[in-house]
Amino acid sequence: MSTKKFDYESLQDAHSIKTYLVSLIDSIEKGRIILKSNGEEMAMRVDDLMKFSVQAKKKDGQNKLSIKLSWSEIKPVIKEERASSMSIGS
C-alpha cells in the first residue's frame, strides 16, 4: 500500500486558525477531508470512530498545543464463522 503525506506550516493569526478548525469540523461532519496547498492535494474518508489525542506544553514563555486525529479507512471484516464461535461465560 502506498503512503501519501501532506505537510503544511505557517504563521497565522487566531481568526485564520479558527477558520481552518471550523472547516475541519465541517469536513469531519461530511465524512471527507480534503487538504490542499501549493498544488498538492490529499483526500481522506472519515470514519465514525476516531482516536483523538491532545498534548500541551509550556516552556520558557513558549506554548505548544498538538491535536491529533487518527482512524482507519479500512473497516475490519469479521467473518461469520468467527462471530458465531464466540462465547461469554462466568
PDB file of N, CA and C in Angstrom:
ATOM      1  N   MET A   1       0.841  -1.178   0.000  1.00  0.00           N
ATOM      2  CA  MET A   1       0.000   0.000   0.000  1.00  0.00           C
ATOM      3  C   MET A   1       0.889   1.246   0.000  1.00  0.00           C
ATOM      4  N   SER A   2       0.563   2.207  -0.794  1.00  0.00           N
ATOM      5  CA  SER A   2       1.379   3.413  -0.906  1.00  0.00           C
ATOM      6  C   SER A   2       1.107   4.379   0.247  1.00  0.00           C
ATOM      7  N   THR A   3       2.091   5.211   0.512  1.00  0.00           N
ATOM      8  CA  THR A   3       1.980   6.212   1.566  1.00  0.00           C
ATOM      9  C   THR A   3       1.957   7.591   0.936  1.00  0.00           C
ATOM     10  N   LYS A   4       0.998   8.400   1.323  1.00  0.00           N
ATOM     11  CA  LYS A   4       0.941   9.793   0.899  1.00  0.00           C
ATOM     12  C   LYS A   4       1.091  10.651   2.139  1.00  0.00           C
ATOM     13  N   LYS A   5       1.755  11.781   1.980  1.00  0.00           N
ATOM     14  CA  LYS A   5       1.973  12.665   3.113  1.00  0.00           C
ATOM     15  C   LYS A   5       1.678  14.094   2.691  1.00  0.00           C
ATOM     16  N   PHE A   6       1.045  14.841   3.573  1.00  0.00           N
ATOM     17  CA  PHE A   6       0.733  16.247   3.341  1.00  0.00           C
ATOM     18  C   PHE A   6       1.261  17.035   4.524  1.00  0.00           C
ATOM     19  N   ASP A   7       2.075  18.032   4.278  1.00  0.00           N
ATOM     20  CA  ASP A   7       2.615  18.886   5.338  1.00  0.00           C
ATOM     21  C   ASP A   7       2.298  20.338   5.027  1.00  0.00           C
ATOM     22  N   TYR A   8       1.899  21.063   6.039  1.00  0.00           N
ATOM     23  CA  TYR A   8       1.649  22.492   5.896  1.00  0.00           C
ATOM     24  C   TYR A   8       1.969  23.157   7.224  1.00  0.00           C
ATOM     25  N   GLU A   9       2.709  24.244   7.179  1.00  0.00           N
ATOM     26  CA  GLU A   9       3.024  25.000   8.384  1.00  0.00           C
ATOM     27  C   GLU A   9       3.176  26.463   8.000  1.00  0.00           C
ATOM     28  N   SER A  10       2.562  27.345   8.778  1.00  0.00           N
ATOM     29  CA  SER A  10       2.707  28.783   8.540  1.00  0.00           C
ATOM     30  C   SER A  10       2.331  29.542   9.803  1.00  0.00           C
ATOM     31  N   LEU A  11       2.716  30.786   9.848  1.00  0.00           N
ATOM     32  CA  LEU A  11       2.356  31.669  10.948  1.00  0.00           C
ATOM     33  C   LEU A  11       1.023  32.325  10.602  1.00  0.00           C
ATOM     34  N   GLN A  12       0.014  32.176  11.472  1.00  0.00           N
ATOM     35  CA  GLN A  12      -1.339  32.668  11.209  1.00  0.00           C
ATOM     36  C   GLN A  12      -1.861  33.411  12.436  1.00  0.00           C
ATOM     37  N   ASP A  13      -2.809  34.307  12.219  1.00  0.00           N
ATOM     38  CA  ASP A  13      -3.485  34.942  13.350  1.00  0.00           C
ATOM     39  C   ASP A  13      -4.587  34.004  13.858  1.00  0.00           C
ATOM     40  N   ALA A  14      -5.082  34.272  15.057  1.00  0.00           N
ATOM     41  CA  ALA A  14      -6.068  33.402  15.703  1.00  0.00           C
ATOM     42  C   ALA A  14      -7.336  33.245  14.867  1.00  0.00           C
ATOM     43  N   HIS A  15      -7.791  34.304  14.211  1.00  0.00           N
ATOM     44  CA  HIS A  15      -9.004  34.230  13.392  1.00  0.00           C
ATOM     45  C   HIS A  15      -8.818  33.262  12.213  1.00  0.00           C
ATOM     46  N   SER A  16      -7.672  33.310  11.566  1.00  0.00           N
ATOM     47  CA  SER A  16      -7.394  32.410  10.442  1.00  0.00           C
ATOM     48  C   SER A  16      -7.355  30.957  10.900  1.00  0.00           C
ATOM     49  N   ILE A  17      -6.745  30.715  12.053  1.00  0.00           N
ATOM     50  CA  ILE A  17      -6.683  29.352  12.582  1.00  0.00           C
ATOM     51  C   ILE A  17      -8.080  28.856  12.915  1.00  0.00           C
ATOM     52  N   LYS A  18      -8.917  29.719  13.477  1.00  0.00           N
ATOM     53  CA  LYS A  18     -10.302  29.351  13.769  1.00  0.00           C
ATOM     54  C   LYS A  18     -11.011  28.941  12.482  1.00  0.00           C
ATOM     55  N   THR A  19     -10.782  29.667  11.394  1.00  0.00           N
ATOM     56  CA  THR A  19     -11.398  29.336  10.108  1.00  0.00           C
ATOM     57  C   THR A  19     -10.981  27.938   9.652  1.00  0.00           C
ATOM     58  N   TYR A  20      -9.686  27.606   9.796  1.00  0.00           N
ATOM     59  CA  TYR A  20      -9.221  26.261   9.447  1.00  0.00           C
ATOM     60  C   TYR A  20      -9.899  25.200  10.312  1.00  0.00           C
ATOM     61  N   LEU A  21      -9.996  25.451  11.611  1.00  0.00           N
ATOM     62  CA  LEU A  21     -10.602  24.474  12.517  1.00  0.00           C
ATOM     63  C   LEU A  21     -12.086  24.272  12.224  1.00  0.00           C
ATOM     64  N   VAL A  22     -12.804  25.351  11.919  1.00  0.00           N
ATOM     65  CA  VAL A  22     -14.224  25.242  11.559  1.00  0.00           C
ATOM     66  C   VAL A  22     -14.369  24.432  10.269  1.00  0.00           C
ATOM     67  N   SER A  23     -13.491  24.668   9.292  1.00  0.00           N
ATOM     68  CA  SER A  23     -13.518  23.901   8.045  1.00  0.00           C
ATOM     69  C   SER A  23     -13.241  22.425   8.309  1.00  0.00           C
ATOM     70  N   LEU A  24     -12.330  22.143   9.232  1.00  0.00           N
ATOM     71  CA  LEU A  24     -12.030  20.760   9.587  1.00  0.00           C
ATOM     72  C   LEU A  24     -13.243  20.093  10.228  1.00  0.00           C
ATOM     73  N   ILE A  25     -13.917  20.792  11.124  1.00  0.00           N
ATOM     74  CA  ILE A  25     -15.130  20.262  11.760  1.00  0.00           C
ATOM     75  C   ILE A  25     -16.198  19.972  10.705  1.00  0.00           C
ATOM     76  N   ASP A  26     -16.420  20.904   9.791  1.00  0.00           N
ATOM     77  CA  ASP A  26     -17.400  20.700   8.717  1.00  0.00           C
ATOM     78  C   ASP A  26     -17.038  19.482   7.869  1.00  0.00           C
ATOM     79  N   SER A  27     -15.757  19.334   7.554  1.00  0.00           N
ATOM     80  CA  SER A  27     -15.309  18.202   6.747  1.00  0.00           C
ATOM     81  C   SER A  27     -15.534  16.879   7.471  1.00  0.00           C
ATOM     82  N   ILE A  28     -15.247  16.832   8.762  1.00  0.00           N
ATOM     83  CA  ILE A  28     -15.475  15.611   9.541  1.00  0.00           C
ATOM     84  C   ILE A  28     -16.956  15.264   9.533  1.00  0.00           C
ATOM     85  N   GLU A  29     -17.816  16.257   9.716  1.00  0.00           N
ATOM     86  CA  GLU A  29     -19.263  16.015   9.699  1.00  0.00           C
ATOM     87  C   GLU A  29     -19.732  15.486   8.349  1.00  0.00           C
ATOM     88  N   LYS A  30     -19.091  15.917   7.259  1.00  0.00           N
ATOM     89  CA  LYS A  30     -19.459  15.467   5.912  1.00  0.00           C
ATOM     90  C   LYS A  30     -18.818  14.128   5.553  1.00  0.00           C
ATOM     91  N   GLY A  31     -17.864  13.666   6.370  1.00  0.00           N
ATOM     92  CA  GLY A  31     -17.252  12.367   6.142  1.00  0.00           C
ATOM     93  C   GLY A  31     -16.084  12.368   5.174  1.00  0.00           C
ATOM     94  N   ARG A  32     -15.553  13.532   4.850  1.00  0.00           N
ATOM     95  CA  ARG A  32     -14.431  13.604   3.907  1.00  0.00           C
ATOM     96  C   ARG A  32     -13.619  14.868   4.169  1.00  0.00           C
ATOM     97  N   ILE A  33     -12.316  14.693   4.303  1.00  0.00           N
ATOM     98  CA  ILE A  33     -11.403  15.813   4.496  1.00  0.00           C
ATOM     99  C   ILE A  33     -10.549  15.941   3.238  1.00  0.00           C
ATOM    100  N   ILE A  34     -10.500  17.141   2.673  1.00  0.00           N
ATOM    101  CA  ILE A  34      -9.644  17.409   1.520  1.00  0.00           C
ATOM    102  C   ILE A  34      -8.681  18.528   1.907  1.00  0.00           C
ATOM    103  N   LEU A  35      -7.396  18.231   1.849  1.00  0.00           N
ATOM    104  CA  LEU A  35      -6.346  19.193   2.173  1.00  0.00           C
ATOM    105  C   LEU A  35      -5.680  19.638   0.874  1.00  0.00           C
ATOM    106  N   LYS A  36      -5.477  20.941   0.719  1.00  0.00           N
ATOM    107  CA  LYS A  36      -4.847  21.483  -0.494  1.00  0.00           C
ATOM    108  C   LYS A  36      -3.862  22.581  -0.125  1.00  0.00           C
ATOM    109  N   SER A  37      -2.700  22.573  -0.789  1.00  0.00           N
ATOM    110  CA  SER A  37      -1.717  23.644  -0.623  1.00  0.00           C
ATOM    111  C   SER A  37      -0.655  23.518  -1.704  1.00  0.00           C
ATOM    112  N   ASN A  38      -0.329  24.642  -2.336  1.00  0.00           N
ATOM    113  CA  ASN A  38       0.753  24.691  -3.330  1.00  0.00           C
ATOM    114  C   ASN A  38       0.667  23.578  -4.372  1.00  0.00           C
ATOM    115  N   GLY A  39      -0.522  23.321  -4.887  1.00  0.00           N
ATOM    116  CA  GLY A  39      -0.693  22.308  -5.919  1.00  0.00           C
ATOM    117  C   GLY A  39      -0.771  20.884  -5.401  1.00  0.00           C
ATOM    118  N   GLU A  40      -0.571  20.680  -4.118  1.00  0.00           N
ATOM    119  CA  GLU A  40      -0.698  19.345  -3.523  1.00  0.00           C
ATOM    120  C   GLU A  40      -2.113  19.174  -2.996  1.00  0.00           C
ATOM    121  N   GLU A  41      -2.615  17.958  -3.066  1.00  0.00           N
ATOM    122  CA  GLU A  41      -3.956  17.674  -2.554  1.00  0.00           C
ATOM    123  C   GLU A  41      -3.996  16.273  -1.967  1.00  0.00           C
ATOM    124  N   MET A  42      -4.695  16.142  -0.849  1.00  0.00           N
ATOM    125  CA  MET A  42      -4.917  14.839  -0.238  1.00  0.00           C
ATOM    126  C   MET A  42      -6.357  14.772   0.241  1.00  0.00           C
ATOM    127  N   ALA A  43      -7.040  13.689  -0.112  1.00  0.00           N
ATOM    128  CA  ALA A  43      -8.419  13.467   0.325  1.00  0.00           C
ATOM    129  C   ALA A  43      -8.456  12.225   1.207  1.00  0.00           C
ATOM    130  N   MET A  44      -9.231  12.315   2.289  1.00  0.00           N
ATOM    131  CA  MET A  44      -9.365  11.196   3.219  1.00  0.00           C
ATOM    132  C   MET A  44     -10.829  11.026   3.602  1.00  0.00           C
ATOM    133  N   ARG A  45     -11.291   9.784   3.562  1.00  0.00           N
ATOM    134  CA  ARG A  45     -12.624   9.491   4.089  1.00  0.00           C
ATOM    135  C   ARG A  45     -12.528   9.427   5.608  1.00  0.00           C
ATOM    136  N   VAL A  46     -13.565   9.882   6.277  1.00  0.00           N
ATOM    137  CA  VAL A  46     -13.567   9.928   7.741  1.00  0.00           C
ATOM    138  C   VAL A  46     -14.464   8.822   8.279  1.00  0.00           C
ATOM    139  N   ASP A  47     -13.973   8.099   9.262  1.00  0.00           N
ATOM    140  CA  ASP A  47     -14.735   7.042   9.915  1.00  0.00           C
ATOM    141  C   ASP A  47     -15.497   7.627  11.102  1.00  0.00           C
ATOM    142  N   ASP A  48     -16.499   6.895  11.567  1.00  0.00           N
ATOM    143  CA  ASP A  48     -17.264   7.342  12.733  1.00  0.00           C
ATOM    144  C   ASP A  48     -16.453   7.225  14.022  1.00  0.00           C
ATOM    145  N   LEU A  49     -15.506   6.298  14.050  1.00  0.00           N
ATOM    146  CA  LEU A  49     -14.699   6.073  15.245  1.00  0.00           C
ATOM    147  C   LEU A  49     -13.274   6.547  14.976  1.00  0.00           C
ATOM    148  N   MET A  50     -12.840   7.535  15.747  1.00  0.00           N
ATOM    149  CA  MET A  50     -11.519   8.130  15.552  1.00  0.00           C
ATOM    150  C   MET A  50     -10.790   8.204  16.887  1.00  0.00           C
ATOM    151  N   LYS A  51      -9.480   8.066  16.833  1.00  0.00           N
ATOM    152  CA  LYS A  51      -8.664   8.277  18.026  1.00  0.00           C
ATOM    153  C   LYS A  51      -8.344   9.762  18.098  1.00  0.00           C
ATOM    154  N   PHE A  52      -8.529  10.357  19.267  1.00  0.00           N
ATOM    155  CA  PHE A  52      -8.351  11.791  19.475  1.00  0.00           C
ATOM    156  C   PHE A  52      -7.354  11.986  20.600  1.00  0.00           C
ATOM    157  N   SER A  53      -6.273  12.711  20.324  1.00  0.00           N
ATOM    158  CA  SER A  53      -5.304  12.975  21.389  1.00  0.00           C
ATOM    159  C   SER A  53      -4.902  14.446  21.377  1.00  0.00           C
ATOM    160  N   VAL A  54      -4.655  14.964  22.568  1.00  0.00           N
ATOM    161  CA  VAL A  54      -4.255  16.356  22.747  1.00  0.00           C
ATOM    162  C   VAL A  54      -3.023  16.376  23.643  1.00  0.00           C
ATOM    163  N   GLN A  55      -2.036  17.151  23.233  1.00  0.00           N
ATOM    164  CA  GLN A  55      -0.849  17.354  24.056  1.00  0.00           C
ATOM    165  C   GLN A  55      -0.597  18.852  24.155  1.00  0.00           C
ATOM    166  N   ALA A  56      -0.257  19.315  25.348  1.00  0.00           N
ATOM    167  CA  ALA A  56       0.045  20.732  25.556  1.00  0.00           C
ATOM    168  C   ALA A  56       1.349  20.847  26.332  1.00  0.00           C
ATOM    169  N   LYS A  57       2.090  21.914  26.013  1.00  0.00           N
ATOM    170  CA  LYS A  57       3.385  22.111  26.661  1.00  0.00           C
ATOM    171  C   LYS A  57       3.661  23.607  26.797  1.00  0.00           C
ATOM    172  N   LYS A  58       4.170  23.995  27.967  1.00  0.00           N
ATOM    173  CA  LYS A  58       4.608  25.372  28.218  1.00  0.00           C
ATOM    174  C   LYS A  58       6.049  25.309  28.691  1.00  0.00           C
ATOM    175  N   LYS A  59       6.901  26.140  28.071  1.00  0.00           N
ATOM    176  CA  LYS A  59       8.302  26.156  28.483  1.00  0.00           C
ATOM    177  C   LYS A  59       8.899  27.511  28.134  1.00  0.00           C
ATOM    178  N   ASP A  60       9.399  28.192  29.141  1.00  0.00           N
ATOM    179  CA  ASP A  60      10.086  29.476  28.946  1.00  0.00           C
ATOM    180  C   ASP A  60       9.273  30.461  28.106  1.00  0.00           C
ATOM    181  N   GLY A  61       7.987  30.577  28.408  1.00  0.00           N
ATOM    182  CA  GLY A  61       7.141  31.530  27.694  1.00  0.00           C
ATOM    183  C   GLY A  61       6.651  31.056  26.340  1.00  0.00           C
ATOM    184  N   GLN A  62       7.034  29.862  25.926  1.00  0.00           N
ATOM    185  CA  GLN A  62       6.574  29.297  24.658  1.00  0.00           C
ATOM    186  C   GLN A  62       5.472  28.278  24.937  1.00  0.00           C
ATOM    187  N   ASN A  63       4.425  28.308  24.130  1.00  0.00           N
ATOM    188  CA  ASN A  63       3.301  27.387  24.286  1.00  0.00           C
ATOM    189  C   ASN A  63       3.178  26.514  23.050  1.00  0.00           C
ATOM    190  N   LYS A  64       2.765  25.271  23.270  1.00  0.00           N
ATOM    191  CA  LYS A  64       2.560  24.348  22.161  1.00  0.00           C
ATOM    192  C   LYS A  64       1.326  23.507  22.449  1.00  0.00           C
ATOM    193  N   LEU A  65       0.452  23.412  21.468  1.00  0.00           N
ATOM    194  CA  LEU A  65      -0.749  22.586  21.558  1.00  0.00           C
ATOM    195  C   LEU A  65      -0.795  21.714  20.319  1.00  0.00           C
ATOM    196  N   SER A  66      -0.786  20.412  20.524  1.00  0.00           N
ATOM    197  CA  SER A  66      -0.855  19.466  19.409  1.00  0.00           C
ATOM    198  C   SER A  66      -2.155  18.689  19.503  1.00  0.00           C
ATOM    199  N   ILE A  67      -2.884  18.657  18.410  1.00  0.00           N
ATOM    200  CA  ILE A  67      -4.129  17.899  18.315  1.00  0.00           C
ATOM    201  C   ILE A  67      -3.928  16.856  17.231  1.00  0.00           C
ATOM    202  N   LYS A  68      -4.231  15.620  17.558  1.00  0.00           N
ATOM    203  CA  LYS A  68      -4.002  14.530  16.614  1.00  0.00           C
ATOM    204  C   LYS A  68      -5.265  13.692  16.478  1.00  0.00           C
ATOM    205  N   LEU A  69      -5.657  13.428  15.244  1.00  0.00           N
ATOM    206  CA  LEU A  69      -6.767  12.538  14.933  1.00  0.00           C
ATOM    207  C   LEU A  69      -6.211  11.386  14.115  1.00  0.00           C
ATOM    208  N   SER A  70      -6.634  10.178  14.405  1.00  0.00           N
ATOM    209  CA  SER A  70      -6.221   9.044  13.581  1.00  0.00           C
ATOM    210  C   SER A  70      -7.368   8.051  13.488  1.00  0.00           C
ATOM    211  N   TRP A  71      -7.441   7.385  12.336  1.00  0.00           N
ATOM    212  CA  TRP A  71      -8.503   6.419  12.089  1.00  0.00           C
ATOM    213  C   TRP A  71      -8.107   5.561  10.911  1.00  0.00           C
ATOM    214  N   SER A  72      -8.846   4.524  10.686  1.00  0.00           N
ATOM    215  CA  SER A  72      -8.602   3.632   9.560  1.00  0.00           C
ATOM    216  C   SER A  72      -9.734   3.779   8.551  1.00  0.00           C
ATOM    217  N   GLU A  73      -9.375   3.887   7.273  1.00  0.00           N
ATOM    218  CA  GLU A  73     -10.393   3.925   6.226  1.00  0.00           C
ATOM    219  C   GLU A  73     -10.885   2.522   5.906  1.00  0.00           C
ATOM    220  N   ILE A  74     -10.117   1.523   6.317  1.00  0.00           N
ATOM    221  CA  ILE A  74     -10.470   0.135   6.031  1.00  0.00           C
ATOM    222  C   ILE A  74     -11.162  -0.444   7.251  1.00  0.00           C
ATOM    223  N   LYS A  75     -12.399  -0.822   7.075  1.00  0.00           N
ATOM    224  CA  LYS A  75     -13.162  -1.391   8.184  1.00  0.00           C
ATOM    225  C   LYS A  75     -12.777  -2.860   8.348  1.00  0.00           C
ATOM    226  N   PRO A  76     -12.552  -3.304   9.579  1.00  0.00           N
ATOM    227  CA  PRO A  76     -12.245  -4.720   9.774  1.00  0.00           C
ATOM    228  C   PRO A  76     -13.469  -5.577   9.457  1.00  0.00           C
ATOM    229  N   VAL A  77     -13.220  -6.678   8.786  1.00  0.00           N
ATOM    230  CA  VAL A  77     -14.307  -7.581   8.424  1.00  0.00           C
ATOM    231  C   VAL A  77     -14.271  -8.758   9.385  1.00  0.00           C
ATOM    232  N   ILE A  78     -15.372  -9.002  10.057  1.00  0.00           N
ATOM    233  CA  ILE A  78     -15.480 -10.150  10.951  1.00  0.00           C
ATOM    234  C   ILE A  78     -16.200 -11.238  10.188  1.00  0.00           C
ATOM    235  N   LYS A  79     -15.512 -12.352   9.991  1.00  0.00           N
ATOM    236  CA  LYS A  79     -16.119 -13.453   9.241  1.00  0.00           C
ATOM    237  C   LYS A  79     -17.221 -14.084  10.075  1.00  0.00           C
ATOM    238  N   GLU A  80     -18.235 -14.563   9.391  1.00  0.00           N
ATOM    239  CA  GLU A  80     -19.405 -15.151  10.050  1.00  0.00           C
ATOM    240  C   GLU A  80     -19.002 -16.283  10.995  1.00  0.00           C
ATOM    241  N   GLU A  81     -18.046 -17.141  10.561  1.00  0.00           N
ATOM    242  CA  GLU A  81     -17.642 -18.273  11.397  1.00  0.00           C
ATOM    243  C   GLU A  81     -17.033 -17.789  12.715  1.00  0.00           C
ATOM    244  N   ARG A  82     -16.215 -16.750  12.647  1.00  0.00           N
ATOM    245  CA  ARG A  82     -15.566 -16.244  13.850  1.00  0.00           C
ATOM    246  C   ARG A  82     -16.589 -15.627  14.801  1.00  0.00           C
ATOM    247  N   ALA A  83     -17.538 -14.878  14.267  1.00  0.00           N
ATOM    248  CA  ALA A  83     -18.536 -14.229  15.111  1.00  0.00           C
ATOM    249  C   ALA A  83     -19.426 -15.259  15.794  1.00  0.00           C
ATOM    250  N   SER A  84     -19.787 -16.335  15.090  1.00  0.00           N
ATOM    251  CA  SER A  84     -20.701 -17.315  15.667  1.00  0.00           C
ATOM    252  C   SER A  84     -20.010 -18.219  16.687  1.00  0.00           C
ATOM    253  N   SER A  85     -18.667 -18.298  16.668  1.00  0.00           N
ATOM    254  CA  SER A  85     -17.976 -19.183  17.600  1.00  0.00           C
ATOM    255  C   SER A  85     -17.617 -18.506  18.924  1.00  0.00           C
ATOM    256  N   MET A  86     -17.920 -17.245  19.054  1.00  0.00           N
ATOM    257  CA  MET A  86     -17.592 -16.536  20.285  1.00  0.00           C
ATOM    258  C   MET A  86     -18.568 -16.903  21.401  1.00  0.00           C
ATOM    259  N   SER A  87     -18.037 -16.997  22.619  1.00  0.00           N
ATOM    260  CA  SER A  87     -18.915 -17.236  23.764  1.00  0.00           C
ATOM    261  C   SER A  87     -18.423 -16.431  24.955  1.00  0.00           C
ATOM    262  N   ILE A  88     -19.355 -16.102  25.839  1.00  0.00           N
ATOM    263  CA  ILE A  88     -19.036 -15.388  27.068  1.00  0.00           C
ATOM    264  C   ILE A  88     -19.610 -16.194  28.214  1.00  0.00           C
ATOM    265  N   GLY A  89     -18.803 -16.422  29.211  1.00  0.00           N
ATOM    266  CA  GLY A  89     -19.288 -17.200  30.341  1.00  0.00           C
ATOM    267  C   GLY A  89     -18.848 -16.584  31.656  1.00  0.00           C
ATOM    268  N   SER A  90     -19.362 -17.145  32.754  1.00  0.00           N
ATOM    269  CA  SER A  90     -18.940 -16.672  34.066  1.00  0.00           C
ATOM    270  C   SER A  90     -18.696 -17.846  34.980  1.00  0.00           C
TER     271      SER A  90
END
